[in-house]
Amino acid sequence: MWVFLRGRIGGIMGSTIKWNFTKFLCDRNGIPIERYSPPTKPYEFKDEIIKLLDN
């Protein structure tokens, strides 16, 4: 999972994951849509989560 996610969607540091609290938002098929840094709280991307659940 780790290799799959970091290989599919890069962040500021490319495919490197800074810490184990990096968050990935995936669609229903498990495809990563967005990547969030460790300090980002899930409620900060609540609208994106809801949008994916509605589709």
PDB file of N, CA and C in Angstrom:
ATOM      1  N   MET A   1       0.839  -1.174   0.000  1.00  0.00           N
ATOM      2  CA  MET A   1       0.000   0.000   0.000  1.00  0.00           C
ATOM      3  C   MET A   1       0.886   1.240   0.000  1.00  0.00           C
ATOM      4  N   TRP A   2       1.885   1.250   0.862  1.00  0.00           N
ATOM      5  CA  TRP A   2       2.808   2.385   0.997  1.00  0.00           C
ATOM      6  C   TRP A   2       3.437   2.732  -0.354  1.00  0.00           C
ATOM      7  N   VAL A   3       3.994   1.730  -1.011  1.00  0.00           N
ATOM      8  CA  VAL A   3       4.668   1.935  -2.297  1.00  0.00           C
ATOM      9  C   VAL A   3       3.663   2.386  -3.354  1.00  0.00           C
ATOM     10  N   PHE A   4       2.493   1.764  -3.371  1.00  0.00           N
ATOM     11  CA  PHE A   4       1.457   2.117  -4.344  1.00  0.00           C
ATOM     12  C   PHE A   4       1.048   3.583  -4.200  1.00  0.00           C
ATOM     13  N   LEU A   5       0.716   3.994  -2.979  1.00  0.00           N
ATOM     14  CA  LEU A   5       0.231   5.356  -2.757  1.00  0.00           C
ATOM     15  C   LEU A   5       1.286   6.402  -3.077  1.00  0.00           C
ATOM     16  N   ARG A   6       2.482   6.205  -2.577  1.00  0.00           N
ATOM     17  CA  ARG A   6       3.504   7.231  -2.803  1.00  0.00           C
ATOM     18  C   ARG A   6       3.954   7.275  -4.256  1.00  0.00           C
ATOM     19  N   GLY A   7       3.816   6.170  -4.972  1.00  0.00           N
ATOM     20  CA  GLY A   7       4.171   6.153  -6.383  1.00  0.00           C
ATOM     21  C   GLY A   7       3.118   6.787  -7.274  1.00  0.00           C
ATOM     22  N   ARG A   8       1.881   6.824  -6.797  1.00  0.00           N
ATOM     23  CA  ARG A   8       0.771   7.357  -7.596  1.00  0.00           C
ATOM     24  C   ARG A   8       0.598   8.858  -7.478  1.00  0.00           C
ATOM     25  N   ILE A   9       0.891   9.391  -6.303  1.00  0.00           N
ATOM     26  CA  ILE A   9       0.650  10.823  -6.104  1.00  0.00           C
ATOM     27  C   ILE A   9       1.773  11.403  -5.250  1.00  0.00           C
ATOM     28  N   GLY A  10       2.516  12.304  -5.830  1.00  0.00           N
ATOM     29  CA  GLY A  10       3.648  12.908  -5.138  1.00  0.00           C
ATOM     30  C   GLY A  10       3.235  14.110  -4.313  1.00  0.00           C
ATOM     31  N   GLY A  11       4.118  14.498  -3.452  1.00  0.00           N
ATOM     32  CA  GLY A  11       3.895  15.691  -2.643  1.00  0.00           C
ATOM     33  C   GLY A  11       5.013  16.679  -2.888  1.00  0.00           C
ATOM     34  N   ILE A  12       5.207  17.577  -1.970  1.00  0.00           N
ATOM     35  CA  ILE A  12       6.270  18.572  -2.075  1.00  0.00           C
ATOM     36  C   ILE A  12       7.631  17.893  -2.195  1.00  0.00           C
ATOM     37  N   MET A  13       7.781  16.767  -1.502  1.00  0.00           N
ATOM     38  CA  MET A  13       9.050  16.047  -1.496  1.00  0.00           C
ATOM     39  C   MET A  13       9.066  14.922  -2.529  1.00  0.00           C
ATOM     40  N   GLY A  14       8.233  15.024  -3.551  1.00  0.00           N
ATOM     41  CA  GLY A  14       8.173  13.982  -4.573  1.00  0.00           C
ATOM     42  C   GLY A  14       7.463  12.751  -4.040  1.00  0.00           C
ATOM     43  N   SER A  15       8.055  11.581  -4.252  1.00  0.00           N
ATOM     44  CA  SER A  15       7.417  10.350  -3.787  1.00  0.00           C
ATOM     45  C   SER A  15       7.803  10.002  -2.351  1.00  0.00           C
ATOM     46  N   THR A  16       8.666  10.804  -1.739  1.00  0.00           N
ATOM     47  CA  THR A  16       9.058  10.565  -0.350  1.00  0.00           C
ATOM     48  C   THR A  16       7.907  10.937   0.574  1.00  0.00           C
ATOM     49  N   ILE A  17       7.681  10.109   1.582  1.00  0.00           N
ATOM     50  CA  ILE A  17       6.666  10.405   2.584  1.00  0.00           C
ATOM     51  C   ILE A  17       7.407  10.805   3.850  1.00  0.00           C
ATOM     52  N   LYS A  18       7.162  12.022   4.306  1.00  0.00           N
ATOM     53  CA  LYS A  18       7.911  12.588   5.421  1.00  0.00           C
ATOM     54  C   LYS A  18       7.671  11.836   6.722  1.00  0.00           C
ATOM     55  N   TRP A  19       6.441  11.436   6.967  1.00  0.00           N
ATOM     56  CA  TRP A  19       6.111  10.832   8.245  1.00  0.00           C
ATOM     57  C   TRP A  19       4.903   9.932   8.054  1.00  0.00           C
ATOM     58  N   ASN A  20       4.659   9.025   8.990  1.00  0.00           N
ATOM     59  CA  ASN A  20       3.583   8.056   8.805  1.00  0.00           C
ATOM     60  C   ASN A  20       2.179   8.633   8.972  1.00  0.00           C
ATOM     61  N   PHE A  21       2.049   9.918   9.252  1.00  0.00           N
ATOM     62  CA  PHE A  21       0.724  10.524   9.363  1.00  0.00           C
ATOM     63  C   PHE A  21       0.318  11.281   8.103  1.00  0.00           C
ATOM     64  N   THR A  22       1.066  11.105   7.020  1.00  0.00           N
ATOM     65  CA  THR A  22       0.656  11.654   5.732  1.00  0.00           C
ATOM     66  C   THR A  22      -0.669  10.993   5.366  1.00  0.00           C
ATOM     67  N   LYS A  23      -1.600  11.766   4.855  1.00  0.00           N
ATOM     68  CA  LYS A  23      -2.931  11.239   4.527  1.00  0.00           C
ATOM     69  C   LYS A  23      -3.128  11.213   3.017  1.00  0.00           C
ATOM     70  N   PHE A  24      -3.796  10.172   2.563  1.00  0.00           N
ATOM     71  CA  PHE A  24      -4.135  10.039   1.150  1.00  0.00           C
ATOM     72  C   PHE A  24      -5.641   9.914   1.038  1.00  0.00           C
ATOM     73  N   LEU A  25      -6.232  10.672   0.136  1.00  0.00           N
ATOM     74  CA  LEU A  25      -7.659  10.572  -0.145  1.00  0.00           C
ATOM     75  C   LEU A  25      -7.802   9.757  -1.420  1.00  0.00           C
ATOM     76  N   CYS A  26      -8.521   8.645  -1.315  1.00  0.00           N
ATOM     77  CA  CYS A  26      -8.687   7.736  -2.456  1.00  0.00           C
ATOM     78  C   CYS A  26     -10.153   7.664  -2.853  1.00  0.00           C
ATOM     79  N   ASP A  27     -10.391   7.405  -4.130  1.00  0.00           N
ATOM     80  CA  ASP A  27     -11.767   7.248  -4.596  1.00  0.00           C
ATOM     81  C   ASP A  27     -12.271   5.839  -4.274  1.00  0.00           C
ATOM     82  N   ARG A  28     -13.477   5.535  -4.701  1.00  0.00           N
ATOM     83  CA  ARG A  28     -14.095   4.228  -4.411  1.00  0.00           C
ATOM     84  C   ARG A  28     -13.308   3.053  -4.974  1.00  0.00           C
ATOM     85  N   ASN A  29     -12.515   3.321  -5.997  1.00  0.00           N
ATOM     86  CA  ASN A  29     -11.725   2.259  -6.623  1.00  0.00           C
ATOM     87  C   ASN A  29     -10.328   2.139  -6.033  1.00  0.00           C
ATOM     88  N   GLY A  30     -10.050   2.938  -5.007  1.00  0.00           N
ATOM     89  CA  GLY A  30      -8.745   2.885  -4.364  1.00  0.00           C
ATOM     90  C   GLY A  30      -7.671   3.700  -5.056  1.00  0.00           C
ATOM     91  N   ILE A  31      -8.073   4.523  -6.001  1.00  0.00           N
ATOM     92  CA  ILE A  31      -7.118   5.363  -6.719  1.00  0.00           C
ATOM     93  C   ILE A  31      -6.888   6.644  -5.914  1.00  0.00           C
ATOM     94  N   PRO A  32      -5.643   6.948  -5.583  1.00  0.00           N
ATOM     95  CA  PRO A  32      -5.365   8.171  -4.823  1.00  0.00           C
ATOM     96  C   PRO A  32      -5.734   9.421  -5.618  1.00  0.00           C
ATOM     97  N   ILE A  33      -6.452  10.318  -4.972  1.00  0.00           N
ATOM     98  CA  ILE A  33      -6.905  11.559  -5.583  1.00  0.00           C
ATOM     99  C   ILE A  33      -6.077  12.737  -5.077  1.00  0.00           C
ATOM    100  N   GLU A  34      -5.751  12.716  -3.798  1.00  0.00           N
ATOM    101  CA  GLU A  34      -5.036  13.833  -3.184  1.00  0.00           C
ATOM    102  C   GLU A  34      -4.184  13.314  -2.035  1.00  0.00           C
ATOM    103  N   ARG A  35      -3.171  14.093  -1.715  1.00  0.00           N
ATOM    104  CA  ARG A  35      -2.252  13.762  -0.625  1.00  0.00           C
ATOM    105  C   ARG A  35      -2.176  14.966   0.301  1.00  0.00           C
ATOM    106  N   TYR A  36      -2.206  14.708   1.619  1.00  0.00           N
ATOM    107  CA  TYR A  36      -2.187  15.781   2.606  1.00  0.00           C
ATOM    108  C   TYR A  36      -1.038  15.567   3.584  1.00  0.00           C
ATOM    109  N   SER A  37      -0.411  16.660   3.991  1.00  0.00           N
ATOM    110  CA  SER A  37       0.721  16.590   4.909  1.00  0.00           C
ATOM    111  C   SER A  37       0.264  16.188   6.311  1.00  0.00           C
ATOM    112  N   PRO A  38       1.186  15.686   7.142  1.00  0.00           N
ATOM    113  CA  PRO A  38       0.832  15.228   8.485  1.00  0.00           C
ATOM    114  C   PRO A  38       0.035  16.220   9.334  1.00  0.00           C
ATOM    115  N   PRO A  39       0.355  17.523   9.320  1.00  0.00           N
ATOM    116  CA  PRO A  39      -0.429  18.418  10.182  1.00  0.00           C
ATOM    117  C   PRO A  39      -1.851  18.697   9.690  1.00  0.00           C
ATOM    118  N   THR A  40      -2.183  18.324   8.462  1.00  0.00           N
ATOM    119  CA  THR A  40      -3.526  18.561   7.929  1.00  0.00           C
ATOM    120  C   THR A  40      -4.526  17.655   8.641  1.00  0.00           C
ATOM    121  N   LYS A  41      -5.564  18.253   9.161  1.00  0.00           N
ATOM    122  CA  LYS A  41      -6.616  17.503   9.857  1.00  0.00           C
ATOM    123  C   LYS A  41      -7.676  17.063   8.845  1.00  0.00           C
ATOM    124  N   PRO A  42      -8.273  15.883   9.031  1.00  0.00           N
ATOM    125  CA  PRO A  42      -9.286  15.401   8.079  1.00  0.00           C
ATOM    126  C   PRO A  42     -10.445  16.371   7.860  1.00  0.00           C
ATOM    127  N   TYR A  43     -10.835  17.117   8.880  1.00  0.00           N
ATOM    128  CA  TYR A  43     -11.946  18.056   8.687  1.00  0.00           C
ATOM    129  C   TYR A  43     -11.580  19.180   7.715  1.00  0.00           C
ATOM    130  N   GLU A  44     -10.288  19.388   7.498  1.00  0.00           N
ATOM    131  CA  GLU A  44      -9.859  20.428   6.569  1.00  0.00           C
ATOM    132  C   GLU A  44     -10.148  20.058   5.114  1.00  0.00           C
ATOM    133  N   PHE A  45     -10.313  18.757   4.839  1.00  0.00           N
ATOM    134  CA  PHE A  45     -10.661  18.347   3.478  1.00  0.00           C
ATOM    135  C   PHE A  45     -11.975  17.560   3.467  1.00  0.00           C
ATOM    136  N   LYS A  46     -12.839  17.932   4.406  1.00  0.00           N
ATOM    137  CA  LYS A  46     -14.153  17.302   4.546  1.00  0.00           C
ATOM    138  C   LYS A  46     -14.974  17.409   3.265  1.00  0.00           C
ATOM    139  N   ASP A  47     -14.955  18.565   2.620  1.00  0.00           N
ATOM    140  CA  ASP A  47     -15.742  18.756   1.394  1.00  0.00           C
ATOM    141  C   ASP A  47     -15.301  17.797   0.292  1.00  0.00           C
ATOM    142  N   GLU A  48     -13.998  17.570   0.187  1.00  0.00           N
ATOM    143  CA  GLU A  48     -13.484  16.636  -0.817  1.00  0.00           C
ATOM    144  C   GLU A  48     -13.931  15.207  -0.510  1.00  0.00           C
ATOM    145  N   ILE A  49     -13.944  14.853   0.780  1.00  0.00           N
ATOM    146  CA  ILE A  49     -14.391  13.515   1.192  1.00  0.00           C
ATOM    147  C   ILE A  49     -15.861  13.328   0.819  1.00  0.00           C
ATOM    148  N   ILE A  50     -16.679  14.302   1.155  1.00  0.00           N
ATOM    149  CA  ILE A  50     -18.114  14.223   0.861  1.00  0.00           C
ATOM    150  C   ILE A  50     -18.355  14.131  -0.641  1.00  0.00           C
ATOM    151  N   LYS A  51     -17.622  14.917  -1.413  1.00  0.00           N
ATOM    152  CA  LYS A  51     -17.774  14.897  -2.868  1.00  0.00           C
ATOM    153  C   LYS A  51     -17.472  13.499  -3.420  1.00  0.00           C
ATOM    154  N   LEU A  52     -16.417  12.862  -2.915  1.00  0.00           N
ATOM    155  CA  LEU A  52     -16.084  11.514  -3.385  1.00  0.00           C
ATOM    156  C   LEU A  52     -17.140  10.494  -2.961  1.00  0.00           C
ATOM    157  N   LEU A  53     -17.682  10.646  -1.767  1.00  0.00           N
ATOM    158  CA  LEU A  53     -18.709   9.717  -1.295  1.00  0.00           C
ATOM    159  C   LEU A  53     -20.009   9.866  -2.083  1.00  0.00           C
ATOM    160  N   ASP A  54     -20.291  11.072  -2.538  1.00  0.00           N
ATOM    161  CA  ASP A  54     -21.518  11.323  -3.299  1.00  0.00           C
ATOM    162  C   ASP A  54     -21.452  10.803  -4.732  1.00  0.00           C
ATOM    163  N   ASN A  55     -20.248  10.633  -5.259  1.00  0.00           N
ATOM    164  CA  ASN A  55     -20.108  10.168  -6.653  1.00  0.00           C
ATOM    165  C   ASN A  55     -20.214   8.675  -6.752  1.00  0.00           C
TER     166      ASN A  55
END
